């Protein structure tokens, strides 16, 4: 079903993921948001239209952290669609060091404190990554037709390790977009500088396939139906390695009924309904 079709649940689509740009679409029937804006404004709008979600309907852009692959298109996108912008104070402080991102009209949230965007409850939680105050989000419906306080969607695209806080927040989600950045052997064998390899594999870097697989198995409950593997490295990962690591872990734990889907740098993922 396309993103514009009628449904009483929520929708999740990773419009783009990887070092060239990250952007996630989430929606209830009446409220549509973006998490991050790392694609160009024109490409974000084009990809939204390709899944049946007009850019004019976007009610907010919520930013996880200040790295360029998550915010490069933010200023231009805001000029085009004028959706409210949300970030925490640490991220805004970092962003305003960039002349292109100064004087944007921010709505400030506090990490750990939920806020509302239309019918959506946005719950930002802290994640370990090498930026000022990075967050993931759990997004749930709170309109009259939704089950109260039920976590529906989790988004965490950059994190160096799985903390107990992350596990707690992502449990109970029906769909999750989660980083599976690298295969550890491919990272070690890559021609990248040793310092960069150390940063990626550190507790403030990025999750490996094995770490993502373990986290997914730990959070998987009866509610979880779909997992999107995000932020795959083009040099240090392969789609089949990422999917294989997760599916083998789920099978080993006897966890059934979870679809494992890929995300892409050059096109949107499938649209998941939950």
Protein backbone atom coordinates (compact mmCIF):
# COMPACT_ATOMS: atom_id res chain seq x y z
CA UNK A 1 0.00 0.00 0.00
CA UNK A 2 1.29 3.46 -0.86
CA UNK A 3 1.82 6.17 1.72
CA UNK A 4 -1.26 8.10 0.61
CA UNK A 5 -3.68 5.19 1.05
CA UNK A 6 -6.12 5.02 3.94
CA UNK A 7 -4.97 3.12 7.01
CA UNK A 8 -5.63 3.31 10.73
CA UNK A 9 -2.05 2.51 11.70
CA UNK A 10 1.20 4.27 11.01
CA UNK A 11 3.64 4.27 8.12
CA UNK A 12 7.40 4.23 7.99
CA UNK A 13 9.65 4.69 4.98
CA UNK A 14 13.38 5.37 4.89
CA UNK A 15 13.63 7.87 2.02
CA UNK A 16 17.42 7.59 1.93
CA UNK A 17 20.11 6.14 4.13
CA UNK A 18 23.88 6.12 4.07
CA UNK A 19 26.81 8.50 4.13
CA UNK A 20 25.35 10.46 1.18
CA UNK A 21 22.21 11.41 3.07
CA UNK A 22 19.67 10.22 5.63
CA UNK A 23 15.97 11.00 5.80
CA UNK A 24 13.08 9.02 7.32
CA UNK A 25 9.34 9.52 6.74
CA UNK A 26 6.81 8.56 9.42
CA UNK A 27 3.10 9.25 9.44
CA UNK A 28 -0.27 8.65 11.02
CA UNK A 29 -3.43 9.24 8.99
CA UNK A 30 -3.33 12.96 9.67
CA UNK A 31 0.26 13.87 10.67
CA UNK A 32 3.32 13.41 8.47
CA UNK A 33 6.89 14.08 9.63
CA UNK A 34 10.49 13.71 8.54
CA UNK A 35 13.33 12.61 10.78
CA UNK A 36 16.51 14.25 9.47
CA UNK A 37 17.05 16.02 6.16
CA UNK A 38 20.35 14.83 4.73
CA UNK A 39 19.14 14.61 1.13
CA UNK A 40 18.83 17.68 -1.07
CA UNK A 41 15.50 19.47 -0.84
CA UNK A 42 14.61 18.59 -4.41
CA UNK A 43 15.46 14.92 -3.90
CA UNK A 44 13.54 14.75 -0.63
CA UNK A 45 10.45 16.18 -2.29
CA UNK A 46 10.83 13.86 -5.28
CA UNK A 47 11.13 10.78 -3.07
CA UNK A 48 8.15 11.84 -0.97
CA UNK A 49 6.07 12.18 -4.12
CA UNK A 50 7.24 8.76 -5.31
CA UNK A 51 5.67 7.11 -2.26
CA UNK A 52 2.47 9.16 -2.50
CA UNK A 53 3.28 11.59 0.31
CA UNK A 54 3.14 15.24 -0.87
CA UNK A 55 5.81 17.45 0.67
CA UNK A 56 3.16 20.06 1.51
CA UNK A 57 1.73 17.62 4.08
CA UNK A 58 4.93 17.40 6.14
CA UNK A 59 4.13 18.77 9.60
CA UNK A 60 7.64 18.78 11.08
CA UNK A 61 11.28 17.93 10.50
CA UNK A 62 12.91 16.43 13.61
CA UNK A 63 16.71 16.27 13.71
CA UNK A 64 18.68 13.51 15.43
CA UNK A 65 22.12 15.21 15.36
CA UNK A 66 24.21 17.72 13.45
CA UNK A 67 26.31 15.56 11.11
CA UNK A 68 26.14 16.66 7.49
CA UNK A 69 24.61 13.46 6.15
CA UNK A 70 21.59 14.17 8.38
CA UNK A 71 21.15 17.92 7.81
CA UNK A 72 22.66 18.93 4.47
CA UNK A 73 19.28 19.63 2.88
CA UNK A 74 17.64 21.14 5.95
CA UNK A 75 17.83 24.87 5.18
CA UNK A 76 16.72 24.51 1.57
CA UNK A 77 13.95 22.09 2.52
CA UNK A 78 12.67 24.51 5.15
CA UNK A 79 12.56 27.30 2.57
CA UNK A 80 10.54 25.04 0.26
CA UNK A 81 7.99 23.54 2.64
CA UNK A 82 8.13 25.75 5.79
CA UNK A 83 7.56 22.81 8.12
CA UNK A 84 8.43 23.45 11.79
CA UNK A 85 11.92 22.31 12.83
CA UNK A 86 12.68 20.40 16.03
CA UNK A 87 16.03 19.63 17.68
CA UNK A 88 17.58 19.66 21.14
CA UNK A 89 19.75 22.52 22.38
CA UNK A 90 23.07 20.72 21.85
CA UNK A 91 22.26 19.90 18.24
CA UNK A 92 21.08 23.45 17.54
CA UNK A 93 24.28 24.87 19.07
CA UNK A 94 26.34 22.65 16.76
CA UNK A 95 24.24 23.44 13.69
CA UNK A 96 24.50 27.18 14.19
CA UNK A 97 28.26 26.99 13.73
CA UNK A 98 27.44 26.37 10.06
CA UNK A 99 26.60 29.69 8.33
CA UNK A 100 24.09 27.90 6.08
CA UNK A 101 22.14 26.68 9.10
CA UNK A 102 22.08 29.82 11.22
CA UNK A 103 18.91 31.69 12.18
CA UNK A 104 16.56 28.82 11.48
CA UNK A 105 13.31 28.97 13.52
CA UNK A 106 13.86 26.07 15.92
CA UNK A 107 11.45 24.40 18.28
CA UNK A 108 13.64 23.08 21.11
CA UNK A 109 12.95 19.75 22.77
CA UNK A 110 14.72 18.23 25.76
CA UNK A 111 16.18 14.77 25.29
CA UNK A 112 14.16 12.29 27.30
CA UNK A 113 11.01 14.43 27.28
CA UNK A 114 8.30 13.61 24.71
CA UNK A 115 6.64 16.31 22.63
CA UNK A 116 3.68 16.40 20.29
CA UNK A 117 3.50 17.01 16.56
CA UNK A 118 -0.12 16.83 15.52
CA UNK A 119 -1.38 13.35 16.37
CA UNK A 120 2.15 12.00 16.89
CA UNK A 121 4.00 11.68 20.16
CA UNK A 122 7.73 12.10 19.62
CA UNK A 123 9.89 10.55 22.35
CA UNK A 124 13.60 11.44 21.88
CA UNK A 125 16.14 9.27 23.69
CA UNK A 126 19.89 9.61 24.07
CA UNK A 127 22.24 7.48 21.95
CA UNK A 128 26.05 7.12 22.04
CA UNK A 129 27.53 8.77 18.95
CA UNK A 130 30.31 11.28 18.30
CA UNK A 131 28.18 14.41 18.14
CA UNK A 132 26.87 17.05 20.57
CA UNK A 133 23.65 15.47 21.89
CA UNK A 134 22.47 12.76 19.47
CA UNK A 135 19.07 11.11 19.81
CA UNK A 136 16.86 8.42 18.42
CA UNK A 137 13.08 8.69 18.36
CA UNK A 138 10.13 6.52 19.25
CA UNK A 139 7.05 7.77 17.42
CA UNK A 140 3.52 6.78 18.45
CA UNK A 141 -0.02 7.81 17.64
CA UNK A 142 -2.04 9.66 20.21
CA UNK A 143 -5.13 10.64 18.24
CA UNK A 144 -8.58 9.52 19.36
CA UNK A 145 -8.51 6.31 17.32
CA UNK A 146 -5.14 5.09 18.56
CA UNK A 147 -4.28 2.91 21.49
CA UNK A 148 -2.93 5.30 24.16
CA UNK A 149 0.83 5.46 24.72
CA UNK A 150 1.61 2.51 22.45
CA UNK A 151 5.09 2.84 20.91
CA UNK A 152 4.75 2.15 17.21
CA UNK A 153 7.94 3.16 15.39
CA UNK A 154 11.58 3.42 16.48
CA UNK A 155 14.28 5.26 14.53
CA UNK A 156 17.96 5.05 15.47
CA UNK A 157 20.33 5.48 12.55
CA UNK A 158 23.64 6.36 14.28
CA UNK A 159 24.91 4.76 17.49
CA UNK A 160 28.15 3.15 18.56
CA UNK A 161 26.68 0.63 20.99
CA UNK A 162 23.38 -0.66 22.30
CA UNK A 163 22.70 0.75 25.77
CA UNK A 164 20.05 -0.43 28.18
CA UNK A 165 18.21 2.84 27.55
CA UNK A 166 18.09 2.07 23.82
CA UNK A 167 16.82 -1.45 24.47
CA UNK A 168 14.14 -0.14 26.79
CA UNK A 169 12.94 2.52 24.38
CA UNK A 170 12.82 0.27 21.31
CA UNK A 171 11.00 -2.61 22.97
CA UNK A 172 7.33 -2.60 22.06
CA UNK A 173 7.80 -0.98 18.65
CA UNK A 174 5.99 -2.43 15.67
CA UNK A 175 8.55 -1.18 13.16
CA UNK A 176 12.15 -0.08 13.66
CA UNK A 177 14.70 1.63 11.42
CA UNK A 178 18.06 0.68 12.89
CA UNK A 179 21.67 1.14 11.87
CA UNK A 180 23.64 -1.85 10.56
CA UNK A 181 26.63 0.11 9.35
CA UNK A 182 29.47 -2.30 8.73
CA UNK A 183 30.75 -5.83 8.66
CA UNK A 184 33.67 -5.88 11.09
CA UNK A 185 35.93 -7.95 8.83
CA UNK A 186 35.29 -5.67 5.84
CA UNK A 187 35.96 -2.63 8.02
CA UNK A 188 39.28 -4.07 9.20
CA UNK A 189 40.32 -4.94 5.64
CA UNK A 190 39.24 -1.63 4.11
CA UNK A 191 41.84 0.93 2.94
CA UNK A 192 40.43 3.54 5.32
CA UNK A 193 42.85 5.24 7.76
CA UNK A 194 43.32 3.34 11.00
CA UNK A 195 42.01 6.24 13.07
CA UNK A 196 38.76 6.31 11.09
CA UNK A 197 38.34 2.56 11.51
CA UNK A 198 38.78 2.95 15.25
CA UNK A 199 36.21 5.75 15.38
CA UNK A 200 33.62 3.75 13.43
CA UNK A 201 34.06 0.67 15.61
CA UNK A 202 34.12 2.65 18.87
CA UNK A 203 31.33 3.05 21.40
CA UNK A 204 30.67 6.48 19.92
CA UNK A 205 30.73 5.28 16.31
CA UNK A 206 28.41 2.99 14.39
CA UNK A 207 26.76 -0.38 14.97
CA UNK A 208 28.15 -3.39 13.13
CA UNK A 209 25.91 -6.03 11.56
CA UNK A 210 26.52 -8.31 14.54
CA UNK A 211 25.68 -5.58 17.05
CA UNK A 212 22.52 -4.66 15.15
CA UNK A 213 21.47 -8.30 14.99
CA UNK A 214 21.96 -8.76 18.72
CA UNK A 215 20.01 -5.58 19.51
CA UNK A 216 17.12 -6.57 17.25
CA UNK A 217 16.88 -9.98 18.90
CA UNK A 218 16.90 -8.31 22.32
CA UNK A 219 14.07 -5.87 21.52
CA UNK A 220 11.94 -8.24 19.45
CA UNK A 221 8.61 -8.96 21.09
CA UNK A 222 5.21 -9.95 19.74
CA UNK A 223 4.63 -6.39 18.50
CA UNK A 224 7.68 -6.17 16.23
CA UNK A 225 6.83 -6.87 12.60
CA UNK A 226 9.33 -4.96 10.46
CA UNK A 227 12.97 -3.96 10.79
CA UNK A 228 14.69 -1.66 8.30
CA UNK A 229 18.48 -1.96 8.22
CA UNK A 230 19.85 1.55 7.78
CA UNK A 231 23.11 3.41 7.15
CA UNK A 232 24.86 0.47 5.43
CA UNK A 233 28.40 1.40 4.45
CA UNK A 234 29.02 1.14 0.73
CA UNK A 235 32.66 0.21 1.33
CA UNK A 236 32.51 -1.81 4.54
CA UNK A 237 29.26 -3.71 4.23
CA UNK A 238 27.12 -5.73 1.84
CA UNK A 239 23.31 -5.94 1.91
CA UNK A 240 23.39 -9.74 2.03
CA UNK A 241 25.79 -9.68 4.98
CA UNK A 242 23.59 -7.31 6.97
CA UNK A 243 20.36 -9.17 6.25
CA UNK A 244 22.04 -12.53 6.84
CA UNK A 245 23.41 -11.50 10.24
CA UNK A 246 20.01 -10.37 11.45
CA UNK A 247 17.97 -13.26 10.06
CA UNK A 248 20.39 -15.83 11.46
CA UNK A 249 20.22 -14.23 14.89
CA UNK A 250 16.41 -14.14 14.84
CA UNK A 251 16.26 -17.79 13.75
CA UNK A 252 18.76 -18.81 16.43
CA UNK A 253 16.59 -17.12 19.07
CA UNK A 254 13.41 -18.71 17.71
CA UNK A 255 11.93 -15.32 16.80
CA UNK A 256 9.44 -15.58 13.95
CA UNK A 257 7.37 -13.11 11.99
CA UNK A 258 9.84 -10.21 11.73
CA UNK A 259 10.44 -8.94 8.20
CA UNK A 260 13.98 -7.68 7.62
CA UNK A 261 14.11 -5.00 4.92
CA UNK A 262 16.88 -2.96 3.35
CA UNK A 263 17.26 0.78 2.92
CA UNK A 264 19.11 2.50 0.09
CA UNK A 265 21.14 5.66 -0.56
CA UNK A 266 19.60 6.28 -3.98
CA UNK A 267 15.91 5.46 -3.52
CA UNK A 268 13.23 5.02 -0.85
CA UNK A 269 12.73 1.78 0.99
CA UNK A 270 9.43 -0.02 0.97
CA UNK A 271 6.65 1.64 2.95
CA UNK A 272 5.88 -0.34 6.08
CA UNK A 273 2.47 -0.18 7.72
CA UNK A 274 2.12 -0.92 11.40
